Amino acid sequence: LKPSGSVQKGGHFWNLMIEEVQDMVLGDICDPNGKFGKLVVGQNGSSSTGTHKPCKQHALMGQCNADPGCVWYDATLSCADTPCMQHCGEPECTADKANRCEWDVSKLLCQKKPEVECSSLSVGKCPKNPACEVSKDKSTCVDKKC
């Protein structure tokens, strides 16, 4: 490839055989430890634009649900993109109540509403959240056990 308009830096070019593109470039994009994956996903799991990291990298339900771009599926015990990410505009995003979507004005994208940490709820509000329950000693709100 030749530069088309702007001056290119040395790191923008990489000599590859066509057979190497799949393994060395495409397969590396979703790996946060790979050469290209580091450019897409930051150290804290968010990209440089503040979006979420690839959902399949979340192996635990808590990690998955904490990511505003992901949702945990109990049936497959896996993490995947939330359906909210498919909405391109604010009206359709905010209308999707079933998936708990909300429009992020600063990022101009649709994400799921953040999960409420059970430990942050008062004992009085705890029973209103289906994922939470009051502790046995009735002093705090904790994650509901399966």
C-alpha atoms as a PDB file:
ATOM      1  CA  LEU A   1       0.000   0.000   0.000  1.00  0.00           C
ATOM      2  CA  LYS A   2       1.183   3.460  -0.774  1.00  0.00           C
ATOM      3  CA  PRO A   3       0.402   6.634   1.206  1.00  0.00           C
ATOM      4  CA  SER A   4      -2.596   8.381  -0.286  1.00  0.00           C
ATOM      5  CA  GLY A   5      -2.696  11.762   1.385  1.00  0.00           C
ATOM      6  CA  SER A   6      -0.991  12.088   4.735  1.00  0.00           C
ATOM      7  CA  VAL A   7       2.540  11.280   5.760  1.00  0.00           C
ATOM      8  CA  GLN A   8       2.595   7.735   7.131  1.00  0.00           C
ATOM      9  CA  LYS A   9       4.634   6.652  10.135  1.00  0.00           C
ATOM     10  CA  GLY A  10       6.902   3.634   9.945  1.00  0.00           C
ATOM     11  CA  GLY A  11       4.610   1.548  12.185  1.00  0.00           C
ATOM     12  CA  HIS A  12       1.743   1.891   9.724  1.00  0.00           C
ATOM     13  CA  PHE A  13       3.324  -0.486   7.251  1.00  0.00           C
ATOM     14  CA  TRP A  14       3.966  -4.157   7.765  1.00  0.00           C
ATOM     15  CA  ASN A  15       5.258  -6.573   5.148  1.00  0.00           C
ATOM     16  CA  LEU A  16       3.018  -9.645   5.072  1.00  0.00           C
ATOM     17  CA  MET A  17       2.226 -12.482   2.764  1.00  0.00           C
ATOM     18  CA  ILE A  18      -1.486 -12.726   2.001  1.00  0.00           C
ATOM     19  CA  GLU A  19      -1.607 -16.035   3.883  1.00  0.00           C
ATOM     20  CA  GLU A  20      -0.391 -14.275   7.046  1.00  0.00           C
ATOM     21  CA  VAL A  21      -3.145 -11.655   7.196  1.00  0.00           C
ATOM     22  CA  GLN A  22      -5.641 -13.961   8.949  1.00  0.00           C
ATOM     23  CA  ASP A  23      -3.295 -15.032  11.741  1.00  0.00           C
ATOM     24  CA  MET A  24      -1.153 -11.938  12.185  1.00  0.00           C
ATOM     25  CA  VAL A  25      -3.732  -9.178  11.695  1.00  0.00           C
ATOM     26  CA  LEU A  26      -7.364 -10.278  11.720  1.00  0.00           C
ATOM     27  CA  GLY A  27      -7.009 -12.885  14.451  1.00  0.00           C
ATOM     28  CA  ASP A  28      -5.085 -10.384  16.553  1.00  0.00           C
ATOM     29  CA  ILE A  29      -7.621  -7.552  16.495  1.00  0.00           C
ATOM     30  CA  CYS A  30      -9.752  -8.931  19.336  1.00  0.00           C
ATOM     31  CA  ASP A  31      -6.781  -9.984  21.448  1.00  0.00           C
ATOM     32  CA  PRO A  32      -5.942  -7.116  23.834  1.00  0.00           C
ATOM     33  CA  ASN A  33      -2.402  -8.510  24.175  1.00  0.00           C
ATOM     34  CA  GLY A  34      -1.735  -8.625  20.428  1.00  0.00           C
ATOM     35  CA  LYS A  35      -0.071  -5.950  18.304  1.00  0.00           C
ATOM     36  CA  PHE A  36      -3.314  -4.685  16.749  1.00  0.00           C
ATOM     37  CA  GLY A  37      -5.532  -5.594  19.676  1.00  0.00           C
ATOM     38  CA  LYS A  38      -3.631  -3.171  21.898  1.00  0.00           C
ATOM     39  CA  LEU A  39      -4.635  -0.400  19.525  1.00  0.00           C
ATOM     40  CA  VAL A  40      -8.301  -1.389  19.683  1.00  0.00           C
ATOM     41  CA  VAL A  41      -8.556  -2.241  23.389  1.00  0.00           C
ATOM     42  CA  GLY A  42      -6.904  -0.192  26.136  1.00  0.00           C
ATOM     43  CA  GLN A  43      -5.291  -1.536  29.284  1.00  0.00           C
ATOM     44  CA  ASN A  44      -8.461  -1.149  31.385  1.00  0.00           C
ATOM     45  CA  GLY A  45     -10.665  -3.040  28.936  1.00  0.00           C
ATOM     46  CA  SER A  46     -11.979   0.041  27.177  1.00  0.00           C
ATOM     47  CA  SER A  47     -10.810   1.255  23.811  1.00  0.00           C
ATOM     48  CA  SER A  48      -9.290   4.676  23.293  1.00  0.00           C
ATOM     49  CA  THR A  49     -12.809   5.917  22.440  1.00  0.00           C
ATOM     50  CA  GLY A  50     -14.220   4.590  25.720  1.00  0.00           C
ATOM     51  CA  THR A  51     -16.176   1.705  24.215  1.00  0.00           C
ATOM     52  CA  HIS A  52     -16.185  -1.780  25.612  1.00  0.00           C
ATOM     53  CA  LYS A  53     -13.713  -4.557  24.904  1.00  0.00           C
ATOM     54  CA  PRO A  54     -14.835  -7.656  22.971  1.00  0.00           C
ATOM     55  CA  CYS A  55     -17.506  -9.338  25.087  1.00  0.00           C
ATOM     56  CA  LYS A  56     -16.235 -12.865  24.520  1.00  0.00           C
ATOM     57  CA  GLN A  57     -13.203 -11.929  26.633  1.00  0.00           C
ATOM     58  CA  HIS A  58     -15.394 -11.701  29.747  1.00  0.00           C
ATOM     59  CA  ALA A  59     -15.425 -15.192  31.232  1.00  0.00           C
ATOM     60  CA  LEU A  60     -17.435 -14.264  34.343  1.00  0.00           C
ATOM     61  CA  MET A  61     -20.994 -12.983  34.599  1.00  0.00           C
ATOM     62  CA  GLY A  62     -20.037 -10.075  36.872  1.00  0.00           C
ATOM     63  CA  GLN A  63     -17.334  -8.816  34.503  1.00  0.00           C
ATOM     64  CA  CYS A  64     -19.666  -9.162  31.546  1.00  0.00           C
ATOM     65  CA  ASN A  65     -22.588  -7.337  33.120  1.00  0.00           C
ATOM     66  CA  ALA A  66     -20.326  -4.539  34.350  1.00  0.00           C
ATOM     67  CA  ASP A  67     -19.401  -3.761  30.727  1.00  0.00           C
ATOM     68  CA  PRO A  68     -22.079  -1.454  29.249  1.00  0.00           C
ATOM     69  CA  GLY A  69     -21.620  -3.018  25.818  1.00  0.00           C
ATOM     70  CA  CYS A  70     -22.123  -6.615  26.933  1.00  0.00           C
ATOM     71  CA  VAL A  71     -24.790  -8.907  28.348  1.00  0.00           C
ATOM     72  CA  TRP A  72     -24.509 -12.351  29.976  1.00  0.00           C
ATOM     73  CA  TYR A  73     -26.575 -15.209  28.551  1.00  0.00           C
ATOM     74  CA  ASP A  74     -27.336 -17.913  31.131  1.00  0.00           C
ATOM     75  CA  ALA A  75     -28.412 -20.409  28.463  1.00  0.00           C
ATOM     76  CA  THR A  76     -24.958 -20.453  26.857  1.00  0.00           C
ATOM     77  CA  LEU A  77     -22.934 -19.294  29.886  1.00  0.00           C
ATOM     78  CA  SER A  78     -21.305 -16.712  27.668  1.00  0.00           C
ATOM     79  CA  CYS A  79     -20.962 -12.991  27.220  1.00  0.00           C
ATOM     80  CA  ALA A  80     -22.018 -11.259  23.994  1.00  0.00           C
ATOM     81  CA  ASP A  81     -22.755  -7.790  22.654  1.00  0.00           C
ATOM     82  CA  THR A  82     -25.886  -6.294  24.114  1.00  0.00           C
ATOM     83  CA  PRO A  83     -28.706  -5.796  21.576  1.00  0.00           C
ATOM     84  CA  CYS A  84     -28.534  -2.107  22.510  1.00  0.00           C
ATOM     85  CA  MET A  85     -25.338  -1.787  20.456  1.00  0.00           C
ATOM     86  CA  GLN A  86     -27.387  -2.367  17.282  1.00  0.00           C
ATOM     87  CA  HIS A  87     -29.356   0.874  17.720  1.00  0.00           C
ATOM     88  CA  CYS A  88     -27.807   3.731  15.773  1.00  0.00           C
ATOM     89  CA  GLY A  89     -29.957   6.594  16.996  1.00  0.00           C
ATOM     90  CA  GLU A  90     -31.272   7.994  20.247  1.00  0.00           C
ATOM     91  CA  PRO A  91     -35.015   7.487  19.573  1.00  0.00           C
ATOM     92  CA  GLU A  92     -34.777   3.754  18.864  1.00  0.00           C
ATOM     93  CA  CYS A  93     -32.258   3.316  21.687  1.00  0.00           C
ATOM     94  CA  THR A  94     -34.378   4.912  24.395  1.00  0.00           C
ATOM     95  CA  ALA A  95     -37.471   3.111  23.088  1.00  0.00           C
ATOM     96  CA  ASP A  96     -35.865  -0.290  23.730  1.00  0.00           C
ATOM     97  CA  LYS A  97     -37.010  -0.856  27.308  1.00  0.00           C
ATOM     98  CA  ALA A  98     -36.848  -4.663  27.054  1.00  0.00           C
ATOM     99  CA  ASN A  99     -33.034  -4.590  26.770  1.00  0.00           C
ATOM    100  CA  ARG A 100     -32.604  -1.713  29.267  1.00  0.00           C
ATOM    101  CA  CYS A 101     -30.947   0.527  26.667  1.00  0.00           C
ATOM    102  CA  GLU A 102     -29.895   4.125  27.199  1.00  0.00           C
ATOM    103  CA  TRP A 103     -28.312   6.680  24.883  1.00  0.00           C
ATOM    104  CA  ASP A 104     -24.869   7.942  25.890  1.00  0.00           C
ATOM    105  CA  VAL A 105     -24.790  11.560  24.728  1.00  0.00           C
ATOM    106  CA  SER A 106     -21.024  11.948  25.181  1.00  0.00           C
ATOM    107  CA  LYS A 107     -20.186   8.852  23.086  1.00  0.00           C
ATOM    108  CA  LEU A 108     -23.209   9.056  20.748  1.00  0.00           C
ATOM    109  CA  LEU A 109     -23.947   5.370  21.093  1.00  0.00           C
ATOM    110  CA  CYS A 110     -26.516   3.082  22.638  1.00  0.00           C
ATOM    111  CA  GLN A 111     -25.496   0.915  25.592  1.00  0.00           C
ATOM    112  CA  LYS A 112     -27.321  -0.993  28.290  1.00  0.00           C
ATOM    113  CA  LYS A 113     -28.018   0.801  31.541  1.00  0.00           C
ATOM    114  CA  PRO A 114     -25.359   0.012  34.122  1.00  0.00           C
ATOM    115  CA  GLU A 115     -26.016  -2.812  36.537  1.00  0.00           C
ATOM    116  CA  VAL A 116     -26.730  -1.741  40.096  1.00  0.00           C
ATOM    117  CA  GLU A 117     -24.332  -3.232  42.612  1.00  0.00           C
ATOM    118  CA  CYS A 118     -26.381  -4.999  45.285  1.00  0.00           C
ATOM    119  CA  SER A 119     -23.968  -3.804  47.969  1.00  0.00           C
ATOM    120  CA  SER A 120     -24.823  -0.188  47.096  1.00  0.00           C
ATOM    121  CA  LEU A 121     -28.547  -0.668  47.807  1.00  0.00           C
ATOM    122  CA  SER A 122     -30.166  -0.064  51.149  1.00  0.00           C
ATOM    123  CA  VAL A 123     -31.859  -2.996  52.856  1.00  0.00           C
ATOM    124  CA  GLY A 124     -35.218  -1.356  52.094  1.00  0.00           C
ATOM    125  CA  LYS A 125     -34.582  -1.104  48.333  1.00  0.00           C
ATOM    126  CA  CYS A 126     -32.836  -4.471  48.067  1.00  0.00           C
ATOM    127  CA  PRO A 127     -35.949  -6.651  47.442  1.00  0.00           C
ATOM    128  CA  LYS A 128     -36.936  -4.448  44.476  1.00  0.00           C
ATOM    129  CA  ASN A 129     -33.897  -5.644  42.490  1.00  0.00           C
ATOM    130  CA  PRO A 130     -34.396  -9.227  41.240  1.00  0.00           C
ATOM    131  CA  ALA A 131     -30.633  -9.899  41.303  1.00  0.00           C
ATOM    132  CA  CYS A 132     -30.317  -8.985  44.984  1.00  0.00           C
ATOM    133  CA  GLU A 133     -31.447 -10.244  48.382  1.00  0.00           C
ATOM    134  CA  VAL A 134     -31.143  -9.135  51.995  1.00  0.00           C
ATOM    135  CA  SER A 135     -28.339 -10.877  53.896  1.00  0.00           C
ATOM    136  CA  LYS A 136     -29.201 -13.534  56.488  1.00  0.00           C
ATOM    137  CA  ASP A 137     -28.419 -11.136  59.324  1.00  0.00           C
ATOM    138  CA  LYS A 138     -30.645  -8.530  57.593  1.00  0.00           C
ATOM    139  CA  SER A 139     -27.884  -5.893  57.697  1.00  0.00           C
ATOM    140  CA  THR A 140     -26.892  -5.563  54.040  1.00  0.00           C
ATOM    141  CA  CYS A 141     -27.985  -6.195  50.487  1.00  0.00           C
ATOM    142  CA  VAL A 142     -26.057  -8.967  48.693  1.00  0.00           C
ATOM    143  CA  ASP A 143     -26.059 -10.727  45.315  1.00  0.00           C
ATOM    144  CA  LYS A 144     -28.814 -13.327  45.124  1.00  0.00           C
ATOM    145  CA  LYS A 145     -27.477 -16.869  45.139  1.00  0.00           C
ATOM    146  CA  CYS A 146     -28.610 -19.187  42.347  1.00  0.00           C
END
